[in-house]
C-alpha cells in the first residue's frame, strides 16, 4: 500500500473509532508489542487509573520509521498544533 493510502486508512480508522465511542479519552502511539503495552505489570494501560477498555492496532510495520511518521501525522491530525506568539500559546 502506498503512503497516501496508508495514512488515509489510519485517519479513517481513528475517525471511525472516535465517532463510535464519543465522548471518550484516547491515546495515539506506537509500541513494539501491543499485548505487552496493554497488559504489562509495570505500566500497562490496563493498570492505568483511566481504566482503558482496549487497544486497537491500526498499522503494523516491520521497521520504526514508518510507524513514527504515522504516529506524528495522527497526532497532528487529531490534536492539531499550538502556534506560539512570544510566550503565549494560542488555542
PDB file of N, CA and C in Angstrom:
ATOM      1  N   UNK A   1       0.850  -1.168   0.000  1.00  0.00           N
ATOM      2  CA  UNK A   1       0.000   0.000   0.000  1.00  0.00           C
ATOM      3  C   UNK A   1       0.901   1.237   0.000  1.00  0.00           C
ATOM      4  N   UNK A   2       0.566   2.214  -0.810  1.00  0.00           N
ATOM      5  CA  UNK A   2       1.341   3.451  -0.862  1.00  0.00           C
ATOM      6  C   UNK A   2       1.093   4.305   0.376  1.00  0.00           C
ATOM      7  N   UNK A   3       2.014   5.250   0.613  1.00  0.00           N
ATOM      8  CA  UNK A   3       1.963   6.075   1.826  1.00  0.00           C
ATOM      9  C   UNK A   3       0.643   6.825   1.974  1.00  0.00           C
ATOM     10  N   UNK A   4       0.145   7.413   0.888  1.00  0.00           N
ATOM     11  CA  UNK A   4      -1.112   8.164   0.957  1.00  0.00           C
ATOM     12  C   UNK A   4      -2.288   7.296   1.359  1.00  0.00           C
ATOM     13  N   UNK A   5      -2.360   6.087   0.809  1.00  0.00           N
ATOM     14  CA  UNK A   5      -3.443   5.153   1.171  1.00  0.00           C
ATOM     15  C   UNK A   5      -3.302   4.689   2.610  1.00  0.00           C
ATOM     16  N   UNK A   6      -2.067   4.484   3.044  1.00  0.00           N
ATOM     17  CA  UNK A   6      -1.824   4.067   4.425  1.00  0.00           C
ATOM     18  C   UNK A   6      -2.282   5.149   5.400  1.00  0.00           C
ATOM     19  N   UNK A   7      -1.899   6.395   5.143  1.00  0.00           N
ATOM     20  CA  UNK A   7      -2.332   7.498   6.013  1.00  0.00           C
ATOM     21  C   UNK A   7      -3.843   7.659   5.996  1.00  0.00           C
ATOM     22  N   UNK A   8      -4.456   7.564   4.815  1.00  0.00           N
ATOM     23  CA  UNK A   8      -5.916   7.677   4.722  1.00  0.00           C
ATOM     24  C   UNK A   8      -6.586   6.587   5.554  1.00  0.00           C
ATOM     25  N   UNK A   9      -6.068   5.371   5.488  1.00  0.00           N
ATOM     26  CA  UNK A   9      -6.612   4.267   6.286  1.00  0.00           C
ATOM     27  C   UNK A   9      -6.507   4.585   7.778  1.00  0.00           C
ATOM     28  N   UNK A  10      -5.330   5.073   8.201  1.00  0.00           N
ATOM     29  CA  UNK A  10      -5.125   5.375   9.622  1.00  0.00           C
ATOM     30  C   UNK A  10      -6.025   6.513  10.087  1.00  0.00           C
ATOM     31  N   UNK A  11      -6.119   7.586   9.296  1.00  0.00           N
ATOM     32  CA  UNK A  11      -7.006   8.707   9.642  1.00  0.00           C
ATOM     33  C   UNK A  11      -8.457   8.231   9.732  1.00  0.00           C
ATOM     34  N   UNK A  12      -8.897   7.476   8.722  1.00  0.00           N
ATOM     35  CA  UNK A  12     -10.280   6.985   8.711  1.00  0.00           C
ATOM     36  C   UNK A  12     -10.557   6.067   9.901  1.00  0.00           C
ATOM     37  N   UNK A  13      -9.591   5.228  10.225  1.00  0.00           N
ATOM     38  CA  UNK A  13      -9.773   4.304  11.355  1.00  0.00           C
ATOM     39  C   UNK A  13      -9.941   5.055  12.664  1.00  0.00           C
ATOM     40  N   UNK A  14      -9.069   6.028  12.915  1.00  0.00           N
ATOM     41  CA  UNK A  14      -9.171   6.801  14.163  1.00  0.00           C
ATOM     42  C   UNK A  14     -10.468   7.611  14.174  1.00  0.00           C
ATOM     43  N   UNK A  15     -10.820   8.237  13.064  1.00  0.00           N
ATOM     44  CA  UNK A  15     -12.078   8.998  12.992  1.00  0.00           C
ATOM     45  C   UNK A  15     -13.280   8.107  13.287  1.00  0.00           C
ATOM     46  N   UNK A  16     -13.295   6.903  12.717  1.00  0.00           N
ATOM     47  CA  UNK A  16     -14.408   5.969  12.926  1.00  0.00           C
ATOM     48  C   UNK A  16     -14.488   5.547  14.398  1.00  0.00           C
ATOM     49  N   UNK A  17     -13.345   5.258  15.000  1.00  0.00           N
ATOM     50  CA  UNK A  17     -13.311   4.855  16.412  1.00  0.00           C
ATOM     51  C   UNK A  17     -13.807   5.999  17.300  1.00  0.00           C
ATOM     52  N   UNK A  18     -13.370   7.217  17.028  1.00  0.00           N
ATOM     53  CA  UNK A  18     -13.787   8.360  17.837  1.00  0.00           C
ATOM     54  C   UNK A  18     -15.278   8.650  17.680  1.00  0.00           C
ATOM     55  N   UNK A  19     -15.792   8.560  16.458  1.00  0.00           N
ATOM     56  CA  UNK A  19     -17.239   8.774  16.248  1.00  0.00           C
ATOM     57  C   UNK A  19     -18.056   7.732  16.991  1.00  0.00           C
ATOM     58  N   UNK A  20     -17.623   6.487  16.924  1.00  0.00           N
ATOM     59  CA  UNK A  20     -18.357   5.389  17.551  1.00  0.00           C
ATOM     60  C   UNK A  20     -18.357   5.487  19.071  1.00  0.00           C
ATOM     61  N   UNK A  21     -17.274   5.960  19.656  1.00  0.00           N
ATOM     62  CA  UNK A  21     -17.119   5.946  21.118  1.00  0.00           C
ATOM     63  C   UNK A  21     -17.227   7.306  21.776  1.00  0.00           C
ATOM     64  N   UNK A  22     -17.649   8.288  21.064  1.00  0.00           N
ATOM     65  CA  UNK A  22     -17.704   9.662  21.543  1.00  0.00           C
ATOM     66  C   UNK A  22     -18.728   9.817  22.658  1.00  0.00           C
ATOM     67  N   UNK A  23     -18.474  10.531  23.702  1.00  0.00           N
ATOM     68  CA  UNK A  23     -17.208  11.160  24.072  1.00  0.00           C
ATOM     69  C   UNK A  23     -16.286  10.111  24.680  1.00  0.00           C
ATOM     70  N   UNK A  24     -14.999  10.298  24.504  1.00  0.00           N
ATOM     71  CA  UNK A  24     -14.041   9.332  25.031  1.00  0.00           C
ATOM     72  C   UNK A  24     -12.679   9.989  25.223  1.00  0.00           C
ATOM     73  N   UNK A  25     -11.847   9.324  25.972  1.00  0.00           N
ATOM     74  CA  UNK A  25     -10.448   9.729  26.051  1.00  0.00           C
ATOM     75  C   UNK A  25      -9.660   8.691  25.253  1.00  0.00           C
ATOM     76  N   UNK A  26      -8.568   9.117  24.650  1.00  0.00           N
ATOM     77  CA  UNK A  26      -7.805   8.195  23.829  1.00  0.00           C
ATOM     78  C   UNK A  26      -6.346   8.619  23.777  1.00  0.00           C
ATOM     79  N   UNK A  27      -5.514   7.680  23.393  1.00  0.00           N
ATOM     80  CA  UNK A  27      -4.091   7.920  23.191  1.00  0.00           C
ATOM     81  C   UNK A  27      -3.729   7.413  21.808  1.00  0.00           C
ATOM     82  N   UNK A  28      -2.767   8.074  21.192  1.00  0.00           N
ATOM     83  CA  UNK A  28      -2.205   7.614  19.927  1.00  0.00           C
ATOM     84  C   UNK A  28      -0.722   7.398  20.164  1.00  0.00           C
ATOM     85  N   UNK A  29      -0.225   6.242  19.792  1.00  0.00           N
ATOM     86  CA  UNK A  29       1.187   5.963  19.990  1.00  0.00           C
ATOM     87  C   UNK A  29       1.567   4.651  19.346  1.00  0.00           C
ATOM     88  N   UNK A  30       2.841   4.324  19.449  1.00  0.00           N
ATOM     89  CA  UNK A  30       3.254   3.026  18.923  1.00  0.00           C
ATOM     90  C   UNK A  30       4.123   2.294  19.923  1.00  0.00           C
ATOM     91  N   UNK A  31       4.185   0.985  19.741  1.00  0.00           N
ATOM     92  CA  UNK A  31       4.899   0.118  20.664  1.00  0.00           C
ATOM     93  C   UNK A  31       5.485  -1.052  19.893  1.00  0.00           C
ATOM     94  N   UNK A  32       6.408  -1.742  20.518  1.00  0.00           N
ATOM     95  CA  UNK A  32       6.990  -2.929  19.888  1.00  0.00           C
ATOM     96  C   UNK A  32       6.064  -4.137  20.023  1.00  0.00           C
ATOM     97  N   UNK A  33       5.134  -4.100  20.983  1.00  0.00           N
ATOM     98  CA  UNK A  33       4.228  -5.232  21.214  1.00  0.00           C
ATOM     99  C   UNK A  33       2.948  -4.711  21.870  1.00  0.00           C
ATOM    100  N   UNK A  34       1.849  -4.777  21.146  1.00  0.00           N
ATOM    101  CA  UNK A  34       0.581  -4.242  21.649  1.00  0.00           C
ATOM    102  C   UNK A  34       0.116  -4.975  22.914  1.00  0.00           C
ATOM    103  N   UNK A  35       0.250  -6.282  22.955  1.00  0.00           N
ATOM    104  CA  UNK A  35      -0.160  -7.047  24.129  1.00  0.00           C
ATOM    105  C   UNK A  35       0.632  -6.604  25.356  1.00  0.00           C
ATOM    106  N   UNK A  36       1.962  -6.519  25.200  1.00  0.00           N
ATOM    107  CA  UNK A  36       2.807  -6.097  26.306  1.00  0.00           C
ATOM    108  C   UNK A  36       2.456  -4.679  26.754  1.00  0.00           C
ATOM    109  N   UNK A  37       2.226  -3.766  25.824  1.00  0.00           N
ATOM    110  CA  UNK A  37       1.920  -2.374  26.168  1.00  0.00           C
ATOM    111  C   UNK A  37       0.625  -2.257  26.958  1.00  0.00           C
ATOM    112  N   UNK A  38      -0.341  -3.104  26.643  1.00  0.00           N
ATOM    113  CA  UNK A  38      -1.630  -3.027  27.312  1.00  0.00           C
ATOM    114  C   UNK A  38      -1.620  -3.754  28.659  1.00  0.00           C
ATOM    115  N   UNK A  39      -0.980  -4.913  28.728  1.00  0.00           N
ATOM    116  CA  UNK A  39      -1.107  -5.770  29.909  1.00  0.00           C
ATOM    117  C   UNK A  39       0.108  -5.832  30.824  1.00  0.00           C
ATOM    118  N   UNK A  40       1.224  -5.194  30.518  1.00  0.00           N
ATOM    119  CA  UNK A  40       2.418  -5.388  31.354  1.00  0.00           C
ATOM    120  C   UNK A  40       2.177  -4.881  32.774  1.00  0.00           C
ATOM    121  N   UNK A  41       2.821  -5.540  33.719  1.00  0.00           N
ATOM    122  CA  UNK A  41       2.613  -5.263  35.147  1.00  0.00           C
ATOM    123  C   UNK A  41       3.167  -3.914  35.592  1.00  0.00           C
ATOM    124  N   UNK A  42       4.167  -3.411  34.904  1.00  0.00           N
ATOM    125  CA  UNK A  42       4.818  -2.179  35.341  1.00  0.00           C
ATOM    126  C   UNK A  42       4.002  -0.936  35.008  1.00  0.00           C
ATOM    127  N   UNK A  43       3.628  -0.751  33.748  1.00  0.00           N
ATOM    128  CA  UNK A  43       2.868   0.446  33.360  1.00  0.00           C
ATOM    129  C   UNK A  43       1.933   0.193  32.178  1.00  0.00           C
ATOM    130  N   UNK A  44       1.342  -0.966  32.138  1.00  0.00           N
ATOM    131  CA  UNK A  44       0.384  -1.274  31.084  1.00  0.00           C
ATOM    132  C   UNK A  44      -0.886  -0.448  31.233  1.00  0.00           C
ATOM    133  N   UNK A  45      -1.541  -0.191  30.110  1.00  0.00           N
ATOM    134  CA  UNK A  45      -2.774   0.606  30.123  1.00  0.00           C
ATOM    135  C   UNK A  45      -3.846  -0.009  31.013  1.00  0.00           C
ATOM    136  N   UNK A  46      -3.880  -1.303  31.109  1.00  0.00           N
ATOM    137  CA  UNK A  46      -4.899  -1.987  31.907  1.00  0.00           C
ATOM    138  C   UNK A  46      -4.791  -1.596  33.386  1.00  0.00           C
ATOM    139  N   UNK A  47      -3.612  -1.169  33.828  1.00  0.00           N
ATOM    140  CA  UNK A  47      -3.400  -0.783  35.231  1.00  0.00           C
ATOM    141  C   UNK A  47      -3.576   0.713  35.458  1.00  0.00           C
ATOM    142  N   UNK A  48      -3.784   1.475  34.402  1.00  0.00           N
ATOM    143  CA  UNK A  48      -3.871   2.935  34.492  1.00  0.00           C
ATOM    144  C   UNK A  48      -5.164   3.359  35.191  1.00  0.00           C
ATOM    145  N   UNK A  49      -5.129   4.491  35.844  1.00  0.00           N
ATOM    146  CA  UNK A  49      -6.314   4.979  36.567  1.00  0.00           C
ATOM    147  C   UNK A  49      -7.458   5.372  35.621  1.00  0.00           C
ATOM    148  N   UNK A  50      -7.184   5.569  34.340  1.00  0.00           N
ATOM    149  CA  UNK A  50      -8.237   5.917  33.382  1.00  0.00           C
ATOM    150  C   UNK A  50      -9.071   4.715  32.944  1.00  0.00           C
ATOM    151  N   UNK A  51      -8.720   3.530  33.393  1.00  0.00           N
ATOM    152  CA  UNK A  51      -9.462   2.301  33.103  1.00  0.00           C
ATOM    153  C   UNK A  51      -9.668   2.105  31.597  1.00  0.00           C
ATOM    154  N   UNK A  52      -8.574   1.997  30.868  1.00  0.00           N
ATOM    155  CA  UNK A  52      -8.649   1.806  29.414  1.00  0.00           C
ATOM    156  C   UNK A  52      -9.391   0.522  29.100  1.00  0.00           C
ATOM    157  N   UNK A  53     -10.248   0.591  28.108  1.00  0.00           N
ATOM    158  CA  UNK A  53     -11.071  -0.547  27.730  1.00  0.00           C
ATOM    159  C   UNK A  53     -10.352  -1.475  26.765  1.00  0.00           C
ATOM    160  N   UNK A  54      -9.647  -0.909  25.783  1.00  0.00           N
ATOM    161  CA  UNK A  54      -8.980  -1.746  24.793  1.00  0.00           C
ATOM    162  C   UNK A  54      -7.902  -0.953  24.068  1.00  0.00           C
ATOM    163  N   UNK A  55      -7.107  -1.681  23.321  1.00  0.00           N
ATOM    164  CA  UNK A  55      -6.064  -1.104  22.488  1.00  0.00           C
ATOM    165  C   UNK A  55      -6.318  -1.621  21.075  1.00  0.00           C
ATOM    166  N   UNK A  56      -6.364  -0.732  20.108  1.00  0.00           N
ATOM    167  CA  UNK A  56      -6.633  -1.108  18.726  1.00  0.00           C
ATOM    168  C   UNK A  56      -5.407  -0.835  17.871  1.00  0.00           C
ATOM    169  N   UNK A  57      -4.939  -1.843  17.169  1.00  0.00           N
ATOM    170  CA  UNK A  57      -3.805  -1.694  16.253  1.00  0.00           C
ATOM    171  C   UNK A  57      -4.365  -1.310  14.891  1.00  0.00           C
ATOM    172  N   UNK A  58      -3.917  -0.157  14.356  1.00  0.00           N
ATOM    173  CA  UNK A  58      -4.400   0.263  13.038  1.00  0.00           C
ATOM    174  C   UNK A  58      -3.304   0.222  11.981  1.00  0.00           C
ATOM    175  N   UNK A  59      -2.059   0.040  12.411  1.00  0.00           N
ATOM    176  CA  UNK A  59      -0.947  -0.090  11.465  1.00  0.00           C
ATOM    177  C   UNK A  59       0.169  -0.881  12.126  1.00  0.00           C
ATOM    178  N   UNK A  60       0.742  -1.822  11.412  1.00  0.00           N
ATOM    179  CA  UNK A  60       1.893  -2.582  11.892  1.00  0.00           C
ATOM    180  C   UNK A  60       2.972  -2.516  10.818  1.00  0.00           C
ATOM    181  N   UNK A  61       4.168  -2.145  11.217  1.00  0.00           N
ATOM    182  CA  UNK A  61       5.280  -2.043  10.277  1.00  0.00           C
ATOM    183  C   UNK A  61       6.434  -2.914  10.710  1.00  0.00           C
ATOM    184  N   UNK A  62       7.313  -3.214   9.760  1.00  0.00           N
ATOM    185  CA  UNK A  62       8.464  -4.064  10.067  1.00  0.00           C
ATOM    186  C   UNK A  62       9.685  -3.240  10.476  1.00  0.00           C
ATOM    187  N   UNK A  63       9.536  -1.899  10.488  1.00  0.00           N
ATOM    188  CA  UNK A  63      10.606  -1.010  10.925  1.00  0.00           C
ATOM    189  C   UNK A  63       9.966   0.161  11.665  1.00  0.00           C
ATOM    190  N   UNK A  64      10.771   1.001  12.319  1.00  0.00           N
ATOM    191  CA  UNK A  64      10.209   2.032  13.185  1.00  0.00           C
ATOM    192  C   UNK A  64       9.942   3.363  12.489  1.00  0.00           C
ATOM    193  N   UNK A  65      10.553   3.607  11.347  1.00  0.00           N
ATOM    194  CA  UNK A  65      10.425   4.916  10.698  1.00  0.00           C
ATOM    195  C   UNK A  65       8.995   5.189  10.251  1.00  0.00           C
ATOM    196  N   UNK A  66       8.390   4.252   9.526  1.00  0.00           N
ATOM    197  CA  UNK A  66       7.018   4.487   9.060  1.00  0.00           C
ATOM    198  C   UNK A  66       6.059   4.606  10.238  1.00  0.00           C
ATOM    199  N   UNK A  67       6.270   3.803  11.275  1.00  0.00           N
ATOM    200  CA  UNK A  67       5.405   3.875  12.462  1.00  0.00           C
ATOM    201  C   UNK A  67       5.490   5.234  13.131  1.00  0.00           C
ATOM    202  N   UNK A  68       6.701   5.778  13.241  1.00  0.00           N
ATOM    203  CA  UNK A  68       6.846   7.083  13.897  1.00  0.00           C
ATOM    204  C   UNK A  68       6.251   8.203  13.051  1.00  0.00           C
ATOM    205  N   UNK A  69       6.366   8.109  11.732  1.00  0.00           N
ATOM    206  CA  UNK A  69       5.744   9.116  10.870  1.00  0.00           C
ATOM    207  C   UNK A  69       4.224   9.053  10.958  1.00  0.00           C
ATOM    208  N   UNK A  70       3.677   7.857  10.985  1.00  0.00           N
ATOM    209  CA  UNK A  70       2.222   7.709  11.094  1.00  0.00           C
ATOM    210  C   UNK A  70       1.740   8.208  12.451  1.00  0.00           C
ATOM    211  N   UNK A  71       2.475   7.902  13.500  1.00  0.00           N
ATOM    212  CA  UNK A  71       2.116   8.408  14.825  1.00  0.00           C
ATOM    213  C   UNK A  71       2.083   9.934  14.825  1.00  0.00           C
ATOM    214  N   UNK A  72       3.115  10.566  14.281  1.00  0.00           N
ATOM    215  CA  UNK A  72       3.176  12.030  14.249  1.00  0.00           C
ATOM    216  C   UNK A  72       2.036  12.611  13.421  1.00  0.00           C
ATOM    217  N   UNK A  73       1.738  12.010  12.283  1.00  0.00           N
ATOM    218  CA  UNK A  73       0.655  12.506  11.426  1.00  0.00           C
ATOM    219  C   UNK A  73      -0.698  12.374  12.124  1.00  0.00           C
ATOM    220  N   UNK A  74      -0.925  11.262  12.799  1.00  0.00           N
ATOM    221  CA  UNK A  74      -2.190  11.070  13.517  1.00  0.00           C
ATOM    222  C   UNK A  74      -2.345  12.060  14.659  1.00  0.00           C
ATOM    223  N   UNK A  75      -1.267  12.294  15.391  1.00  0.00           N
ATOM    224  CA  UNK A  75      -1.334  13.257  16.493  1.00  0.00           C
ATOM    225  C   UNK A  75      -1.621  14.644  15.937  1.00  0.00           C
ATOM    226  N   UNK A  76      -0.945  15.003  14.873  1.00  0.00           N
ATOM    227  CA  UNK A  76      -1.182  16.324  14.276  1.00  0.00           C
ATOM    228  C   UNK A  76      -2.612  16.441  13.751  1.00  0.00           C
ATOM    229  N   UNK A  77      -3.105  15.411  13.113  1.00  0.00           N
ATOM    230  CA  UNK A  77      -4.462  15.418  12.550  1.00  0.00           C
ATOM    231  C   UNK A  77      -5.527  15.516  13.644  1.00  0.00           C
ATOM    232  N   UNK A  78      -5.318  14.816  14.739  1.00  0.00           N
ATOM    233  CA  UNK A  78      -6.366  14.720  15.754  1.00  0.00           C
ATOM    234  C   UNK A  78      -6.155  15.626  16.961  1.00  0.00           C
ATOM    235  N   UNK A  79      -4.988  16.210  17.072  1.00  0.00           N
ATOM    236  CA  UNK A  79      -4.756  17.161  18.149  1.00  0.00           C
ATOM    237  C   UNK A  79      -4.488  18.548  17.602  1.00  0.00           C
ATOM    238  N   UNK A  80      -3.890  18.629  16.440  1.00  0.00           N
ATOM    239  CA  UNK A  80      -3.533  19.911  15.864  1.00  0.00           C
ATOM    240  C   UNK A  80      -2.207  20.386  16.402  1.00  0.00           C
ATOM    241  N   UNK A  81      -1.956  21.661  16.295  1.00  0.00           N
ATOM    242  CA  UNK A  81      -0.733  22.237  16.820  1.00  0.00           C
ATOM    243  C   UNK A  81      -1.071  23.581  17.439  1.00  0.00           C
ATOM    244  N   UNK A  82      -0.209  24.042  18.312  1.00  0.00           N
ATOM    245  CA  UNK A  82      -0.429  25.299  19.008  1.00  0.00           C
ATOM    246  C   UNK A  82       0.560  26.333  18.477  1.00  0.00           C
ATOM    247  N   UNK A  83       0.099  27.282  17.671  1.00  0.00           N
ATOM    248  CA  UNK A  83       1.019  28.331  17.204  1.00  0.00           C
ATOM    249  C   UNK A  83       1.525  29.141  18.393  1.00  0.00           C
ATOM    250  N   UNK A  84       2.797  29.491  18.397  1.00  0.00           N
ATOM    251  CA  UNK A  84       3.365  30.222  19.518  1.00  0.00           C
ATOM    252  C   UNK A  84       3.570  31.674  19.112  1.00  0.00           C
ATOM    253  N   UNK A  85       3.031  32.581  19.909  1.00  0.00           N
ATOM    254  CA  UNK A  85       3.233  34.015  19.724  1.00  0.00           C
ATOM    255  C   UNK A  85       3.979  34.529  20.947  1.00  0.00           C
ATOM    256  N   UNK A  86       5.283  34.673  20.822  1.00  0.00           N
ATOM    257  CA  UNK A  86       6.067  35.052  22.002  1.00  0.00           C
ATOM    258  C   UNK A  86       5.985  33.916  23.005  1.00  0.00           C
ATOM    259  N   UNK A  87       5.541  34.230  24.209  1.00  0.00           N
ATOM    260  CA  UNK A  87       5.376  33.202  25.231  1.00  0.00           C
ATOM    261  C   UNK A  87       3.911  32.810  25.404  1.00  0.00           C
ATOM    262  N   UNK A  88       3.059  33.219  24.479  1.00  0.00           N
ATOM    263  CA  UNK A  88       1.625  32.955  24.603  1.00  0.00           C
ATOM    264  C   UNK A  88       1.225  31.846  23.635  1.00  0.00           C
ATOM    265  N   UNK A  89       0.554  30.833  24.158  1.00  0.00           N
ATOM    266  CA  UNK A  89       0.027  29.790  23.300  1.00  0.00           C
ATOM    267  C   UNK A  89      -1.381  30.168  22.868  1.00  0.00           C
ATOM    268  N   UNK A  90      -1.659  30.042  21.588  1.00  0.00           N
ATOM    269  CA  UNK A  90      -2.993  30.361  21.061  1.00  0.00           C
ATOM    270  C   UNK A  90      -3.723  29.055  20.804  1.00  0.00           C
ATOM    271  N   UNK A  91      -4.891  28.903  21.402  1.00  0.00           N
ATOM    272  CA  UNK A  91      -5.677  27.684  21.227  1.00  0.00           C
ATOM    273  C   UNK A  91      -6.759  27.902  20.218  1.00  0.00           C
TER     274      UNK A  91
END
